Amino acid sequence: MKKLTVLLMTLVSGVALAKLPTPSPEAAAAADLAKARSAHGDKVGGYKLCLSQNEVANKFKKAGAAAPAACANPGPFVAPAPAAK
């Protein structure tokens, strides 16, 4: 039974360590675009969180207290330039 288990573990580990083929240029470009969109979405989310935190801080602190830090607007999404070949 132990030999069978060891054999199965060896076969499964060989499959798990198999190398995937490199993606096509179109797939790589699509992955880069998706990564850039995700990063921009994270920046926009952080900006909106900052605005809401400042709004809550302004409500909490009465007039005359120190103002919260300014939020940096990430701007519109700009797709990354394709990689040079």
N, C-alpha and C. Protein backbone atom coordinates (compact mmCIF):
# COMPACT_ATOMS: atom_id res chain seq x y z
N MET A 1 0.82 -1.19 0.00
CA MET A 1 0.00 0.00 0.00
C MET A 1 0.87 1.26 0.00
N LYS A 2 1.97 1.21 0.77
CA LYS A 2 2.85 2.37 0.81
C LYS A 2 3.50 2.62 -0.55
N LYS A 3 3.86 1.54 -1.24
CA LYS A 3 4.49 1.69 -2.54
C LYS A 3 3.53 2.34 -3.54
N LEU A 4 2.26 1.95 -3.46
CA LEU A 4 1.25 2.52 -4.34
C LEU A 4 1.06 4.01 -4.05
N THR A 5 1.04 4.35 -2.78
CA THR A 5 0.90 5.76 -2.39
C THR A 5 2.09 6.57 -2.87
N VAL A 6 3.28 6.05 -2.70
CA VAL A 6 4.49 6.75 -3.14
C VAL A 6 4.47 6.91 -4.66
N LEU A 7 4.06 5.88 -5.36
CA LEU A 7 3.99 5.94 -6.82
C LEU A 7 2.99 7.00 -7.27
N LEU A 8 1.82 7.03 -6.65
CA LEU A 8 0.82 8.04 -7.00
C LEU A 8 1.30 9.45 -6.68
N MET A 9 1.96 9.62 -5.55
CA MET A 9 2.48 10.94 -5.18
C MET A 9 3.54 11.40 -6.18
N THR A 10 4.36 10.49 -6.63
CA THR A 10 5.40 10.81 -7.61
C THR A 10 4.77 11.25 -8.93
N LEU A 11 3.76 10.52 -9.38
CA LEU A 11 3.10 10.87 -10.63
C LEU A 11 2.40 12.22 -10.53
N VAL A 12 1.71 12.46 -9.42
CA VAL A 12 0.99 13.71 -9.25
C VAL A 12 1.97 14.88 -9.16
N SER A 13 3.09 14.70 -8.47
CA SER A 13 4.06 15.79 -8.36
C SER A 13 4.69 16.09 -9.72
N GLY A 14 4.87 15.08 -10.55
CA GLY A 14 5.41 15.31 -11.89
C GLY A 14 4.46 16.14 -12.73
N VAL A 15 3.18 15.90 -12.60
CA VAL A 15 2.18 16.69 -13.33
C VAL A 15 2.14 18.11 -12.79
N ALA A 16 2.26 18.25 -11.50
CA ALA A 16 2.20 19.57 -10.88
C ALA A 16 3.40 20.42 -11.25
N LEU A 17 4.53 19.80 -11.51
CA LEU A 17 5.74 20.54 -11.83
C LEU A 17 5.92 20.77 -13.34
N ALA A 18 4.98 20.32 -14.14
CA ALA A 18 5.08 20.50 -15.59
C ALA A 18 5.08 21.98 -15.93
N LYS A 19 5.87 22.36 -16.91
CA LYS A 19 5.99 23.75 -17.30
C LYS A 19 4.92 24.10 -18.33
N LEU A 20 4.25 25.22 -18.11
CA LEU A 20 3.23 25.68 -19.04
C LEU A 20 3.88 26.36 -20.23
N PRO A 21 3.27 26.29 -21.41
CA PRO A 21 3.85 26.98 -22.57
C PRO A 21 3.73 28.49 -22.40
N THR A 22 4.60 29.21 -23.07
CA THR A 22 4.56 30.67 -22.99
C THR A 22 3.30 31.16 -23.71
N PRO A 23 2.67 32.21 -23.18
CA PRO A 23 1.45 32.71 -23.83
C PRO A 23 1.77 33.41 -25.15
N SER A 24 0.78 33.47 -26.01
CA SER A 24 0.96 34.15 -27.29
C SER A 24 1.08 35.65 -27.03
N PRO A 25 1.60 36.42 -27.99
CA PRO A 25 1.71 37.87 -27.79
C PRO A 25 0.36 38.53 -27.51
N GLU A 26 -0.69 38.03 -28.15
CA GLU A 26 -2.02 38.60 -27.91
C GLU A 26 -2.48 38.33 -26.48
N ALA A 27 -2.23 37.11 -26.01
CA ALA A 27 -2.61 36.75 -24.65
C ALA A 27 -1.80 37.53 -23.63
N ALA A 28 -0.52 37.74 -23.93
CA ALA A 28 0.34 38.51 -23.02
C ALA A 28 -0.14 39.96 -22.97
N ALA A 29 -0.50 40.52 -24.14
CA ALA A 29 -0.99 41.90 -24.17
C ALA A 29 -2.31 42.02 -23.41
N ALA A 30 -3.19 41.04 -23.56
CA ALA A 30 -4.46 41.05 -22.84
C ALA A 30 -4.23 40.94 -21.34
N ALA A 31 -3.26 40.12 -20.94
CA ALA A 31 -2.94 39.99 -19.51
C ALA A 31 -2.37 41.30 -18.96
N ASP A 32 -1.51 41.96 -19.74
CA ASP A 32 -0.95 43.24 -19.31
C ASP A 32 -2.04 44.29 -19.16
N LEU A 33 -2.98 44.32 -20.10
CA LEU A 33 -4.07 45.28 -20.04
C LEU A 33 -4.95 45.00 -18.82
N ALA A 34 -5.24 43.74 -18.56
CA ALA A 34 -6.04 43.39 -17.39
C ALA A 34 -5.32 43.77 -16.10
N LYS A 35 -4.01 43.57 -16.07
CA LYS A 35 -3.22 43.94 -14.89
C LYS A 35 -3.24 45.45 -14.69
N ALA A 36 -3.13 46.22 -15.78
CA ALA A 36 -3.15 47.68 -15.67
C ALA A 36 -4.52 48.17 -15.22
N ARG A 37 -5.59 47.56 -15.75
CA ARG A 37 -6.95 47.95 -15.33
C ARG A 37 -7.16 47.64 -13.85
N SER A 38 -6.68 46.51 -13.42
CA SER A 38 -6.82 46.13 -12.02
C SER A 38 -6.06 47.10 -11.12
N ALA A 39 -4.84 47.47 -11.52
CA ALA A 39 -4.05 48.41 -10.73
C ALA A 39 -4.74 49.77 -10.67
N HIS A 40 -5.30 50.21 -11.80
CA HIS A 40 -6.00 51.50 -11.80
C HIS A 40 -7.25 51.43 -10.93
N GLY A 41 -7.96 50.31 -10.98
CA GLY A 41 -9.13 50.14 -10.13
C GLY A 41 -8.76 50.20 -8.65
N ASP A 42 -7.60 49.64 -8.30
CA ASP A 42 -7.14 49.71 -6.92
C ASP A 42 -6.85 51.16 -6.52
N LYS A 43 -6.25 51.93 -7.44
CA LYS A 43 -5.96 53.34 -7.15
C LYS A 43 -7.26 54.13 -6.97
N VAL A 44 -8.25 53.88 -7.82
CA VAL A 44 -9.53 54.58 -7.71
C VAL A 44 -10.22 54.19 -6.41
N GLY A 45 -10.17 52.93 -6.05
CA GLY A 45 -10.75 52.48 -4.79
C GLY A 45 -10.09 53.14 -3.59
N GLY A 46 -8.77 53.25 -3.63
CA GLY A 46 -8.04 53.93 -2.56
C GLY A 46 -8.40 55.40 -2.46
N TYR A 47 -8.57 56.03 -3.63
CA TYR A 47 -8.95 57.44 -3.67
C TYR A 47 -10.34 57.65 -3.07
N LYS A 48 -11.29 56.79 -3.44
CA LYS A 48 -12.64 56.91 -2.89
C LYS A 48 -12.65 56.64 -1.39
N LEU A 49 -11.84 55.68 -0.95
CA LEU A 49 -11.72 55.41 0.48
C LEU A 49 -11.16 56.63 1.20
N CYS A 50 -10.15 57.25 0.62
CA CYS A 50 -9.56 58.44 1.22
C CYS A 50 -10.59 59.55 1.34
N LEU A 51 -11.38 59.76 0.30
CA LEU A 51 -12.41 60.80 0.34
C LEU A 51 -13.43 60.52 1.43
N SER A 52 -13.86 59.27 1.54
CA SER A 52 -14.86 58.94 2.56
C SER A 52 -14.27 59.06 3.96
N GLN A 53 -13.01 58.69 4.13
CA GLN A 53 -12.37 58.83 5.44
C GLN A 53 -12.24 60.31 5.81
N ASN A 54 -11.90 61.16 4.83
CA ASN A 54 -11.80 62.59 5.10
C ASN A 54 -13.16 63.17 5.46
N GLU A 55 -14.21 62.69 4.80
CA GLU A 55 -15.55 63.16 5.10
C GLU A 55 -15.94 62.80 6.53
N VAL A 56 -15.64 61.58 6.93
CA VAL A 56 -15.93 61.15 8.30
C VAL A 56 -15.09 61.94 9.29
N ALA A 57 -13.81 62.17 8.97
CA ALA A 57 -12.94 62.95 9.86
C ALA A 57 -13.45 64.37 10.00
N ASN A 58 -13.93 64.95 8.90
CA ASN A 58 -14.46 66.32 8.97
C ASN A 58 -15.72 66.39 9.83
N LYS A 59 -16.55 65.36 9.75
CA LYS A 59 -17.75 65.33 10.58
C LYS A 59 -17.39 65.12 12.05
N PHE A 60 -16.36 64.32 12.30
CA PHE A 60 -15.96 64.02 13.66
C PHE A 60 -15.31 65.23 14.32
N LYS A 61 -14.40 65.84 13.58
CA LYS A 61 -13.72 67.02 14.12
C LYS A 61 -14.60 68.24 13.91
N LYS A 62 -14.69 69.04 14.89
CA LYS A 62 -15.49 70.26 14.78
C LYS A 62 -14.72 71.29 13.97
N ALA A 63 -15.41 72.32 13.57
CA ALA A 63 -14.78 73.39 12.79
C ALA A 63 -13.61 73.97 13.57
N GLY A 64 -12.56 74.32 12.86
CA GLY A 64 -11.37 74.90 13.48
C GLY A 64 -10.29 73.87 13.76
N ALA A 65 -10.61 72.60 13.66
CA ALA A 65 -9.60 71.57 13.88
C ALA A 65 -8.75 71.43 12.63
N ALA A 66 -7.66 70.71 12.73
CA ALA A 66 -6.76 70.52 11.59
C ALA A 66 -7.49 69.75 10.49
N ALA A 67 -7.27 70.17 9.26
CA ALA A 67 -7.92 69.52 8.11
C ALA A 67 -7.23 68.19 7.82
N PRO A 68 -7.98 67.20 7.32
CA PRO A 68 -7.35 65.93 6.97
C PRO A 68 -6.46 66.09 5.73
N ALA A 69 -5.60 65.12 5.52
CA ALA A 69 -4.68 65.16 4.38
C ALA A 69 -5.45 65.12 3.07
N ALA A 70 -4.89 65.74 2.05
CA ALA A 70 -5.52 65.76 0.73
C ALA A 70 -5.38 64.40 0.06
N CYS A 71 -6.38 64.05 -0.74
CA CYS A 71 -6.36 62.79 -1.48
C CYS A 71 -5.80 63.06 -2.88
N ALA A 72 -5.02 62.12 -3.38
CA ALA A 72 -4.44 62.25 -4.72
C ALA A 72 -5.34 61.55 -5.72
N ASN A 73 -5.95 62.29 -6.64
CA ASN A 73 -6.83 61.73 -7.65
C ASN A 73 -6.00 60.93 -8.66
N PRO A 74 -6.34 59.64 -8.90
CA PRO A 74 -5.55 58.84 -9.82
C PRO A 74 -5.74 59.20 -11.29
N GLY A 75 -6.78 59.94 -11.64
CA GLY A 75 -7.01 60.32 -13.03
C GLY A 75 -7.65 59.20 -13.82
N PRO A 76 -7.90 59.42 -15.11
CA PRO A 76 -8.55 58.41 -15.93
C PRO A 76 -7.60 57.25 -16.26
N PHE A 77 -8.18 56.14 -16.64
CA PHE A 77 -7.39 54.96 -17.01
C PHE A 77 -6.72 55.20 -18.36
N VAL A 78 -5.44 54.90 -18.43
CA VAL A 78 -4.68 54.99 -19.68
C VAL A 78 -4.05 53.63 -19.91
N ALA A 79 -4.37 53.02 -21.03
CA ALA A 79 -3.84 51.69 -21.34
C ALA A 79 -2.34 51.77 -21.52
N PRO A 80 -1.60 50.75 -21.06
CA PRO A 80 -0.14 50.77 -21.24
C PRO A 80 0.24 50.61 -22.70
N ALA A 81 1.36 51.19 -23.06
CA ALA A 81 1.87 51.08 -24.44
C ALA A 81 2.34 49.65 -24.67
N PRO A 82 2.14 49.11 -25.87
CA PRO A 82 2.61 47.76 -26.15
C PRO A 82 4.14 47.70 -26.06
N ALA A 83 4.64 46.57 -25.62
CA ALA A 83 6.07 46.39 -25.46
C ALA A 83 6.76 46.40 -26.82
N ALA A 84 7.93 47.02 -26.86
CA ALA A 84 8.71 47.04 -28.11
C ALA A 84 9.31 45.67 -28.35
N LYS A 85 9.40 45.30 -29.60
CA LYS A 85 9.93 43.96 -29.94
C LYS A 85 11.37 44.03 -30.31
